[in-house]
Amino acid sequence: MNDEQLLRYSRQIMLPDFGVEAQQRLADARVLIIGAGGLGSPAALYLAAAGTGELHIADPDAVDLSNLQRQILHGQQDLGRAKVESARDRLAQVNPDTRVLPIARRLEGAELLAAVDAADLVIDASDNFSTRFAVNAACWRAGRPLVAGAAIRYEGQLSVFRADLGEGPCYQCLYRDGEDADQTCAENGVLAPVVGVIGSLQALEAIKVLTGIGEPLAGRLLIFDGRALELRTLKLRPDPDCPVCAG
């Protein structure tokens, strides 16, 4: 690391148990972010600012006026642009050290598996169950850690699934296909800071996994209630009949 980088990341490097070694592990890391919306925006911004080496960002959508209430990667000038292009330009302003690979399409099948396999960690910042199930299955097949977040109305959830360790539950142990399929922000709304809280925590958990610092939220589900400003954590157990991770 050069002198400018040491100064840029000095407030992290001075942390107990972090140091130059953890910062270098972060600089060497490749993170795949599925979704450049409400959750993906703060997650990407904080990962870039913290010095993550590569961010691969996948999203098929263009910036819409209704996005700007919460998707802080994008601004008025980005209306109509591909979200991943807007994200790339914004993140370059935050930290030119971070390399951004924009993927302006929905990753599916073999292409999704290849993208997951090319990353060291995956952040699921999508907004629908079909994508979450597909990403979870790909992470389990490729043996990659998954940081999964969700937010709707005034509530949010967060967990970490350690397919890289081959232990603990996976995302599908928590939900079954089709459950709450219509629970999206478009149908139910969401308060902007709620996605900010969950997306920021996704970045935190990703940094912890990538650097080996602290205790990630593996095997636990964090539930955030924005109206009451309450946090609670539930223990998760593997489903012995899970079609993804059982056996």
C-alpha atoms as a PDB file:
ATOM      1  CA  MET A   1       0.000   0.000   0.000  1.00  0.00           C
ATOM      2  CA  ASN A   2       1.249   3.484  -0.822  1.00  0.00           C
ATOM      3  CA  ASP A   3       1.244   6.513   1.472  1.00  0.00           C
ATOM      4  CA  GLU A   4      -1.989   7.912   0.036  1.00  0.00           C
ATOM      5  CA  GLN A   5      -3.807   4.646   0.630  1.00  0.00           C
ATOM      6  CA  LEU A   6      -2.454   4.395   4.159  1.00  0.00           C
ATOM      7  CA  LEU A   7      -3.867   7.855   4.843  1.00  0.00           C
ATOM      8  CA  ARG A   8      -7.204   7.118   3.135  1.00  0.00           C
ATOM      9  CA  TYR A   9      -7.806   3.989   5.203  1.00  0.00           C
ATOM     10  CA  SER A  10      -6.015   5.119   8.365  1.00  0.00           C
ATOM     11  CA  ARG A  11      -9.163   5.193  10.523  1.00  0.00           C
ATOM     12  CA  GLN A  12      -9.734   1.496   9.761  1.00  0.00           C
ATOM     13  CA  ILE A  13      -6.108   0.450   9.961  1.00  0.00           C
ATOM     14  CA  MET A  14      -5.810   1.826  13.505  1.00  0.00           C
ATOM     15  CA  LEU A  15      -8.692  -0.344  14.728  1.00  0.00           C
ATOM     16  CA  PRO A  16      -7.839  -3.201  17.119  1.00  0.00           C
ATOM     17  CA  ASP A  17      -7.321  -6.489  15.223  1.00  0.00           C
ATOM     18  CA  PHE A  18      -7.619  -4.748  11.837  1.00  0.00           C
ATOM     19  CA  GLY A  19      -4.333  -3.242  10.757  1.00  0.00           C
ATOM     20  CA  VAL A  20      -2.662  -3.258   7.357  1.00  0.00           C
ATOM     21  CA  GLU A  21      -3.204  -7.008   6.964  1.00  0.00           C
ATOM     22  CA  ALA A  22      -7.005  -6.771   7.070  1.00  0.00           C
ATOM     23  CA  GLN A  23      -6.946  -3.732   4.809  1.00  0.00           C
ATOM     24  CA  GLN A  24      -4.907  -5.668   2.272  1.00  0.00           C
ATOM     25  CA  ARG A  25      -7.337  -8.595   2.407  1.00  0.00           C
ATOM     26  CA  LEU A  26     -10.120  -6.137   1.639  1.00  0.00           C
ATOM     27  CA  ALA A  27      -8.129  -4.667  -1.251  1.00  0.00           C
ATOM     28  CA  ASP A  28      -7.659  -8.157  -2.691  1.00  0.00           C
ATOM     29  CA  ALA A  29     -11.357  -9.059  -2.421  1.00  0.00           C
ATOM     30  CA  ARG A  30     -13.962  -9.337  -5.177  1.00  0.00           C
ATOM     31  CA  VAL A  31     -17.586  -8.830  -4.146  1.00  0.00           C
ATOM     32  CA  LEU A  32     -20.635  -9.529  -6.311  1.00  0.00           C
ATOM     33  CA  ILE A  33     -23.609  -7.296  -5.503  1.00  0.00           C
ATOM     34  CA  ILE A  34     -26.959  -8.442  -6.868  1.00  0.00           C
ATOM     35  CA  GLY A  35     -29.026  -5.285  -7.205  1.00  0.00           C
ATOM     36  CA  ALA A  36     -28.060  -1.600  -7.411  1.00  0.00           C
ATOM     37  CA  GLY A  37     -31.192  -0.316  -5.681  1.00  0.00           C
ATOM     38  CA  GLY A  38     -32.108   0.579  -2.125  1.00  0.00           C
ATOM     39  CA  LEU A  39     -29.952  -2.058  -0.427  1.00  0.00           C
ATOM     40  CA  GLY A  40     -27.201  -2.264  -3.025  1.00  0.00           C
ATOM     41  CA  SER A  41     -26.620   1.499  -2.938  1.00  0.00           C
ATOM     42  CA  PRO A  42     -25.361   1.860   0.669  1.00  0.00           C
ATOM     43  CA  ALA A  43     -23.683  -1.551   0.538  1.00  0.00           C
ATOM     44  CA  ALA A  44     -21.678  -0.587  -2.554  1.00  0.00           C
ATOM     45  CA  LEU A  45     -20.873   2.908  -1.295  1.00  0.00           C
ATOM     46  CA  TYR A  46     -19.481   1.681   2.010  1.00  0.00           C
ATOM     47  CA  LEU A  47     -17.587  -1.224   0.476  1.00  0.00           C
ATOM     48  CA  ALA A  48     -15.965   1.111  -2.037  1.00  0.00           C
ATOM     49  CA  ALA A  49     -15.166   3.725   0.597  1.00  0.00           C
ATOM     50  CA  ALA A  50     -13.640   1.044   2.828  1.00  0.00           C
ATOM     51  CA  GLY A  51     -11.274  -0.038   0.057  1.00  0.00           C
ATOM     52  CA  THR A  52     -12.755  -3.218  -1.408  1.00  0.00           C
ATOM     53  CA  GLY A  53     -10.716  -4.149  -4.466  1.00  0.00           C
ATOM     54  CA  GLU A  54     -13.452  -5.118  -6.923  1.00  0.00           C
ATOM     55  CA  LEU A  55     -17.218  -4.705  -6.977  1.00  0.00           C
ATOM     56  CA  HIS A  56     -19.166  -6.644  -9.593  1.00  0.00           C
ATOM     57  CA  ILE A  57     -22.651  -5.086  -9.699  1.00  0.00           C
ATOM     58  CA  ALA A  58     -25.538  -6.790 -11.503  1.00  0.00           C
ATOM     59  CA  ASP A  59     -28.855  -5.075 -12.186  1.00  0.00           C
ATOM     60  CA  PRO A  60     -30.963  -5.082 -15.390  1.00  0.00           C
ATOM     61  CA  ASP A  61     -32.930  -1.917 -14.635  1.00  0.00           C
ATOM     62  CA  ALA A  62     -32.670   1.754 -15.537  1.00  0.00           C
ATOM     63  CA  VAL A  63     -32.954   4.590 -13.033  1.00  0.00           C
ATOM     64  CA  ASP A  64     -36.555   5.707 -12.502  1.00  0.00           C
ATOM     65  CA  LEU A  65     -37.823   8.769 -10.681  1.00  0.00           C
ATOM     66  CA  SER A  66     -39.436   6.585  -7.995  1.00  0.00           C
ATOM     67  CA  ASN A  67     -36.005   5.103  -7.216  1.00  0.00           C
ATOM     68  CA  LEU A  68     -34.476   8.375  -6.066  1.00  0.00           C
ATOM     69  CA  GLN A  69     -36.284   8.397  -2.710  1.00  0.00           C
ATOM     70  CA  ARG A  70     -33.958   5.667  -1.411  1.00  0.00           C
ATOM     71  CA  GLN A  71     -31.442   4.482  -4.036  1.00  0.00           C
ATOM     72  CA  ILE A  72     -28.636   6.846  -3.111  1.00  0.00           C
ATOM     73  CA  LEU A  73     -26.187   5.666  -5.773  1.00  0.00           C
ATOM     74  CA  HIS A  74     -28.280   7.540  -8.327  1.00  0.00           C
ATOM     75  CA  GLY A  75     -29.324  11.147  -8.841  1.00  0.00           C
ATOM     76  CA  GLN A  76     -31.649  13.260 -10.946  1.00  0.00           C
ATOM     77  CA  GLN A  77     -29.072  13.387 -13.729  1.00  0.00           C
ATOM     78  CA  ASP A  78     -29.113   9.576 -13.984  1.00  0.00           C
ATOM     79  CA  LEU A  79     -32.789   9.177 -14.909  1.00  0.00           C
ATOM     80  CA  GLY A  80     -33.089   6.687 -17.776  1.00  0.00           C
ATOM     81  CA  ARG A  81     -29.522   5.427 -17.434  1.00  0.00           C
ATOM     82  CA  ALA A  82     -28.668   1.847 -16.590  1.00  0.00           C
ATOM     83  CA  LYS A  83     -28.340   1.586 -12.824  1.00  0.00           C
ATOM     84  CA  VAL A  84     -25.022  -0.226 -13.083  1.00  0.00           C
ATOM     85  CA  GLU A  85     -23.541   2.587 -15.202  1.00  0.00           C
ATOM     86  CA  SER A  86     -24.751   5.197 -12.731  1.00  0.00           C
ATOM     87  CA  ALA A  87     -23.313   3.083  -9.910  1.00  0.00           C
ATOM     88  CA  ARG A  88     -19.952   2.759 -11.641  1.00  0.00           C
ATOM     89  CA  ASP A  89     -19.628   6.514 -12.102  1.00  0.00           C
ATOM     90  CA  ARG A  90     -20.710   7.334  -8.540  1.00  0.00           C
ATOM     91  CA  LEU A  91     -18.360   4.780  -6.986  1.00  0.00           C
ATOM     92  CA  ALA A  92     -15.434   6.100  -9.028  1.00  0.00           C
ATOM     93  CA  GLN A  93     -16.018   9.451  -7.324  1.00  0.00           C
ATOM     94  CA  VAL A  94     -16.045   7.795  -3.914  1.00  0.00           C
ATOM     95  CA  ASN A  95     -12.881   5.744  -4.380  1.00  0.00           C
ATOM     96  CA  PRO A  96     -10.880   5.371  -7.607  1.00  0.00           C
ATOM     97  CA  ASP A  97      -9.016   2.444  -6.019  1.00  0.00           C
ATOM     98  CA  THR A  98     -12.119   0.255  -6.293  1.00  0.00           C
ATOM     99  CA  ARG A  99     -12.617  -1.414  -9.661  1.00  0.00           C
ATOM    100  CA  VAL A 100     -16.275  -1.683 -10.670  1.00  0.00           C
ATOM    101  CA  LEU A 101     -17.565  -4.236 -13.160  1.00  0.00           C
ATOM    102  CA  PRO A 102     -21.122  -3.299 -14.257  1.00  0.00           C
ATOM    103  CA  ILE A 103     -23.397  -6.143 -15.383  1.00  0.00           C
ATOM    104  CA  ALA A 104     -26.497  -4.625 -16.956  1.00  0.00           C
ATOM    105  CA  ARG A 105     -28.638  -7.758 -17.068  1.00  0.00           C
ATOM    106  CA  ARG A 106     -30.307 -10.293 -14.837  1.00  0.00           C
ATOM    107  CA  LEU A 107     -27.886 -13.083 -13.999  1.00  0.00           C
ATOM    108  CA  GLU A 108     -29.439 -16.514 -14.412  1.00  0.00           C
ATOM    109  CA  GLY A 109     -28.423 -20.145 -14.742  1.00  0.00           C
ATOM    110  CA  ALA A 110     -24.838 -20.850 -15.743  1.00  0.00           C
ATOM    111  CA  GLU A 111     -24.010 -17.144 -15.995  1.00  0.00           C
ATOM    112  CA  LEU A 112     -25.145 -16.555 -12.416  1.00  0.00           C
ATOM    113  CA  LEU A 113     -23.086 -19.492 -11.189  1.00  0.00           C
ATOM    114  CA  ALA A 114     -20.011 -18.235 -13.060  1.00  0.00           C
ATOM    115  CA  ALA A 115     -20.424 -14.739 -11.602  1.00  0.00           C
ATOM    116  CA  VAL A 116     -20.766 -16.134  -8.089  1.00  0.00           C
ATOM    117  CA  ASP A 117     -17.778 -18.404  -8.590  1.00  0.00           C
ATOM    118  CA  ALA A 118     -15.674 -15.413  -9.723  1.00  0.00           C
ATOM    119  CA  ALA A 119     -16.385 -13.548  -6.474  1.00  0.00           C
ATOM    120  CA  ASP A 120     -15.058 -14.020  -2.949  1.00  0.00           C
ATOM    121  CA  LEU A 121     -18.400 -13.020  -1.405  1.00  0.00           C
ATOM    122  CA  VAL A 122     -21.918 -12.260  -2.630  1.00  0.00           C
ATOM    123  CA  ILE A 123     -24.303  -9.584  -1.376  1.00  0.00           C
ATOM    124  CA  ASP A 124     -27.934 -10.240  -2.215  1.00  0.00           C
ATOM    125  CA  ALA A 125     -29.558  -6.811  -2.462  1.00  0.00           C
ATOM    126  CA  SER A 126     -32.401  -7.960  -4.713  1.00  0.00           C
ATOM    127  CA  ASP A 127     -36.092  -7.369  -4.092  1.00  0.00           C
ATOM    128  CA  ASN A 128     -37.791 -10.656  -4.956  1.00  0.00           C
ATOM    129  CA  PHE A 129     -37.769 -14.232  -3.731  1.00  0.00           C
ATOM    130  CA  SER A 130     -37.045 -15.901  -7.069  1.00  0.00           C
ATOM    131  CA  THR A 131     -33.737 -14.039  -7.350  1.00  0.00           C
ATOM    132  CA  ARG A 132     -32.871 -14.664  -3.715  1.00  0.00           C
ATOM    133  CA  PHE A 133     -33.455 -18.404  -4.070  1.00  0.00           C
ATOM    134  CA  ALA A 134     -31.369 -18.554  -7.255  1.00  0.00           C
ATOM    135  CA  VAL A 135     -28.507 -16.578  -5.716  1.00  0.00           C
ATOM    136  CA  ASN A 136     -28.569 -18.738  -2.591  1.00  0.00           C
ATOM    137  CA  ALA A 137     -28.415 -21.942  -4.646  1.00  0.00           C
ATOM    138  CA  ALA A 138     -25.529 -20.584  -6.726  1.00  0.00           C
ATOM    139  CA  CYS A 139     -23.603 -19.565  -3.596  1.00  0.00           C
ATOM    140  CA  TRP A 140     -24.066 -23.005  -2.109  1.00  0.00           C
ATOM    141  CA  ARG A 141     -22.893 -24.716  -5.311  1.00  0.00           C
ATOM    142  CA  ALA A 142     -19.858 -22.445  -5.639  1.00  0.00           C
ATOM    143  CA  GLY A 143     -19.055 -22.433  -1.921  1.00  0.00           C
ATOM    144  CA  ARG A 144     -19.258 -18.670  -1.513  1.00  0.00           C
ATOM    145  CA  PRO A 145     -20.437 -16.732   1.571  1.00  0.00           C
ATOM    146  CA  LEU A 146     -23.711 -14.884   1.110  1.00  0.00           C
ATOM    147  CA  VAL A 147     -24.823 -11.731   2.907  1.00  0.00           C
ATOM    148  CA  ALA A 148     -28.584 -11.521   2.402  1.00  0.00           C
ATOM    149  CA  GLY A 149     -30.687  -8.500   3.269  1.00  0.00           C
ATOM    150  CA  ALA A 150     -34.286  -7.443   2.760  1.00  0.00           C
ATOM    151  CA  ALA A 151     -36.345  -4.381   3.635  1.00  0.00           C
ATOM    152  CA  ILE A 152     -39.984  -3.447   3.276  1.00  0.00           C
ATOM    153  CA  ARG A 153     -42.271  -0.845   4.858  1.00  0.00           C
ATOM    154  CA  TYR A 154     -40.540  -0.037   8.203  1.00  0.00           C
ATOM    155  CA  GLU A 155     -38.831  -3.417   8.683  1.00  0.00           C
ATOM    156  CA  GLY A 156     -35.637  -5.109   7.588  1.00  0.00           C
ATOM    157  CA  GLN A 157     -33.857  -8.441   7.897  1.00  0.00           C
ATOM    158  CA  LEU A 158     -30.254  -9.530   7.576  1.00  0.00           C
ATOM    159  CA  SER A 159     -28.299 -12.770   7.777  1.00  0.00           C
ATOM    160  CA  VAL A 160     -25.035 -14.350   6.640  1.00  0.00           C
ATOM    161  CA  PHE A 161     -24.892 -17.815   5.122  1.00  0.00           C
ATOM    162  CA  ARG A 162     -21.526 -19.618   5.092  1.00  0.00           C
ATOM    163  CA  ALA A 163     -21.559 -21.954   2.122  1.00  0.00           C
ATOM    164  CA  ASP A 164     -17.799 -21.408   2.033  1.00  0.00           C
ATOM    165  CA  LEU A 165     -17.555 -23.311   5.306  1.00  0.00           C
ATOM    166  CA  GLY A 166     -20.115 -25.917   4.254  1.00  0.00           C
ATOM    167  CA  GLU A 167     -22.029 -25.528   7.486  1.00  0.00           C
ATOM    168  CA  GLY A 168     -25.088 -23.906   8.994  1.00  0.00           C
ATOM    169  CA  PRO A 169     -28.398 -23.105   7.313  1.00  0.00           C
ATOM    170  CA  CYS A 170     -28.834 -21.562   3.879  1.00  0.00           C
ATOM    171  CA  TYR A 171     -31.353 -18.923   2.814  1.00  0.00           C
ATOM    172  CA  GLN A 172     -33.850 -21.516   1.649  1.00  0.00           C
ATOM    173  CA  CYS A 173     -33.870 -23.097   5.094  1.00  0.00           C
ATOM    174  CA  LEU A 174     -35.477 -19.848   6.227  1.00  0.00           C
ATOM    175  CA  TYR A 175     -38.074 -19.526   3.476  1.00  0.00           C
ATOM    176  CA  ARG A 176     -39.893 -21.875   1.134  1.00  0.00           C
ATOM    177  CA  ASP A 177     -40.517 -21.254  -2.575  1.00  0.00           C
ATOM    178  CA  GLY A 178     -43.365 -18.840  -3.159  1.00  0.00           C
ATOM    179  CA  GLU A 179     -43.756 -17.683   0.441  1.00  0.00           C
ATOM    180  CA  ASP A 180     -44.685 -13.980   0.582  1.00  0.00           C
ATOM    181  CA  ALA A 181     -43.955 -13.742  -3.134  1.00  0.00           C
ATOM    182  CA  ASP A 182     -45.742 -10.379  -3.483  1.00  0.00           C
ATOM    183  CA  GLN A 183     -43.954  -8.673  -0.606  1.00  0.00           C
ATOM    184  CA  THR A 184     -42.003  -6.064  -2.585  1.00  0.00           C
ATOM    185  CA  CYS A 185     -41.434  -2.341  -2.130  1.00  0.00           C
ATOM    186  CA  ALA A 186     -43.447  -1.590  -5.280  1.00  0.00           C
ATOM    187  CA  GLU A 187     -46.558  -3.139  -3.712  1.00  0.00           C
ATOM    188  CA  ASN A 188     -46.000  -2.186  -0.067  1.00  0.00           C
ATOM    189  CA  GLY A 189     -43.647   0.797   0.085  1.00  0.00           C
ATOM    190  CA  VAL A 190     -40.531   1.299   2.178  1.00  0.00           C
ATOM    191  CA  LEU A 191     -39.115   4.113   4.302  1.00  0.00           C
ATOM    192  CA  ALA A 192     -35.809   5.276   2.813  1.00  0.00           C
ATOM    193  CA  PRO A 193     -33.564   5.048   5.910  1.00  0.00           C
ATOM    194  CA  VAL A 194     -34.655   1.441   6.491  1.00  0.00           C
ATOM    195  CA  VAL A 195     -32.895   0.245   3.344  1.00  0.00           C
ATOM    196  CA  GLY A 196     -29.963   2.432   4.370  1.00  0.00           C
ATOM    197  CA  VAL A 197     -29.687   0.639   7.708  1.00  0.00           C
ATOM    198  CA  ILE A 198     -29.866  -2.857   6.211  1.00  0.00           C
ATOM    199  CA  GLY A 199     -27.608  -2.080   3.244  1.00  0.00           C
ATOM    200  CA  SER A 200     -24.991  -0.549   5.545  1.00  0.00           C
ATOM    201  CA  LEU A 201     -25.125  -3.618   7.781  1.00  0.00           C
ATOM    202  CA  GLN A 202     -24.652  -5.812   4.706  1.00  0.00           C
ATOM    203  CA  ALA A 203     -21.431  -3.917   3.982  1.00  0.00           C
ATOM    204  CA  LEU A 204     -20.348  -4.368   7.597  1.00  0.00           C
ATOM    205  CA  GLU A 205     -20.961  -8.111   7.540  1.00  0.00           C
ATOM    206  CA  ALA A 206     -19.173  -8.441   4.201  1.00  0.00           C
ATOM    207  CA  ILE A 207     -16.108  -6.656   5.580  1.00  0.00           C
ATOM    208  CA  LYS A 208     -16.114  -8.893   8.654  1.00  0.00           C
ATOM    209  CA  VAL A 209     -16.230 -12.063   6.555  1.00  0.00           C
ATOM    210  CA  LEU A 210     -13.606 -10.864   4.062  1.00  0.00           C
ATOM    211  CA  THR A 211     -11.133  -9.703   6.693  1.00  0.00           C
ATOM    212  CA  GLY A 212     -11.792 -12.285   9.407  1.00  0.00           C
ATOM    213  CA  ILE A 213     -12.582  -9.554  11.909  1.00  0.00           C
ATOM    214  CA  GLY A 214     -15.324  -9.983  14.503  1.00  0.00           C
ATOM    215  CA  GLU A 215     -18.151 -12.506  14.524  1.00  0.00           C
ATOM    216  CA  PRO A 216     -20.350 -12.504  11.400  1.00  0.00           C
ATOM    217  CA  LEU A 217     -24.103 -12.969  11.658  1.00  0.00           C
ATOM    218  CA  ALA A 218     -23.917 -16.594  10.533  1.00  0.00           C
ATOM    219  CA  GLY A 219     -26.660 -18.880  11.838  1.00  0.00           C
ATOM    220  CA  ARG A 220     -28.614 -15.887  13.083  1.00  0.00           C
ATOM    221  CA  LEU A 221     -31.307 -13.626  11.648  1.00  0.00           C
ATOM    222  CA  LEU A 222     -31.289  -9.944  12.562  1.00  0.00           C
ATOM    223  CA  ILE A 223     -34.737  -8.313  12.509  1.00  0.00           C
ATOM    224  CA  PHE A 224     -34.964  -4.513  12.461  1.00  0.00           C
ATOM    225  CA  ASP A 225     -38.144  -2.607  13.360  1.00  0.00           C
ATOM    226  CA  GLY A 226     -37.752   1.001  12.261  1.00  0.00           C
ATOM    227  CA  ARG A 227     -40.949   2.300  13.856  1.00  0.00           C
ATOM    228  CA  ALA A 228     -40.050   1.069  17.321  1.00  0.00           C
ATOM    229  CA  LEU A 229     -36.293   1.279  16.651  1.00  0.00           C
ATOM    230  CA  GLU A 230     -35.816  -2.255  17.933  1.00  0.00           C
ATOM    231  CA  LEU A 231     -33.346  -4.949  16.942  1.00  0.00           C
ATOM    232  CA  ARG A 232     -33.691  -8.606  17.780  1.00  0.00           C
ATOM    233  CA  THR A 233     -31.776 -11.677  16.712  1.00  0.00           C
ATOM    234  CA  LEU A 234     -33.126 -15.178  16.147  1.00  0.00           C
ATOM    235  CA  LYS A 235     -31.094 -18.353  15.880  1.00  0.00           C
ATOM    236  CA  LEU A 236     -31.413 -20.236  12.602  1.00  0.00           C
ATOM    237  CA  ARG A 237     -31.135 -23.980  12.178  1.00  0.00           C
ATOM    238  CA  PRO A 238     -30.511 -25.997   9.013  1.00  0.00           C
ATOM    239  CA  ASP A 239     -33.595 -27.590   7.496  1.00  0.00           C
ATOM    240  CA  PRO A 240     -32.863 -31.333   7.171  1.00  0.00           C
ATOM    241  CA  ASP A 241     -35.197 -31.398   4.144  1.00  0.00           C
ATOM    242  CA  CYS A 242     -33.771 -28.313   2.430  1.00  0.00           C
ATOM    243  CA  PRO A 243     -33.423 -28.967  -1.319  1.00  0.00           C
ATOM    244  CA  VAL A 244     -30.299 -26.776  -1.495  1.00  0.00           C
ATOM    245  CA  CYS A 245     -28.036 -27.542   1.453  1.00  0.00           C
ATOM    246  CA  ALA A 246     -29.328 -30.739   3.096  1.00  0.00           C
ATOM    247  CA  GLY A 247     -27.124 -33.781   2.720  1.00  0.00           C
END
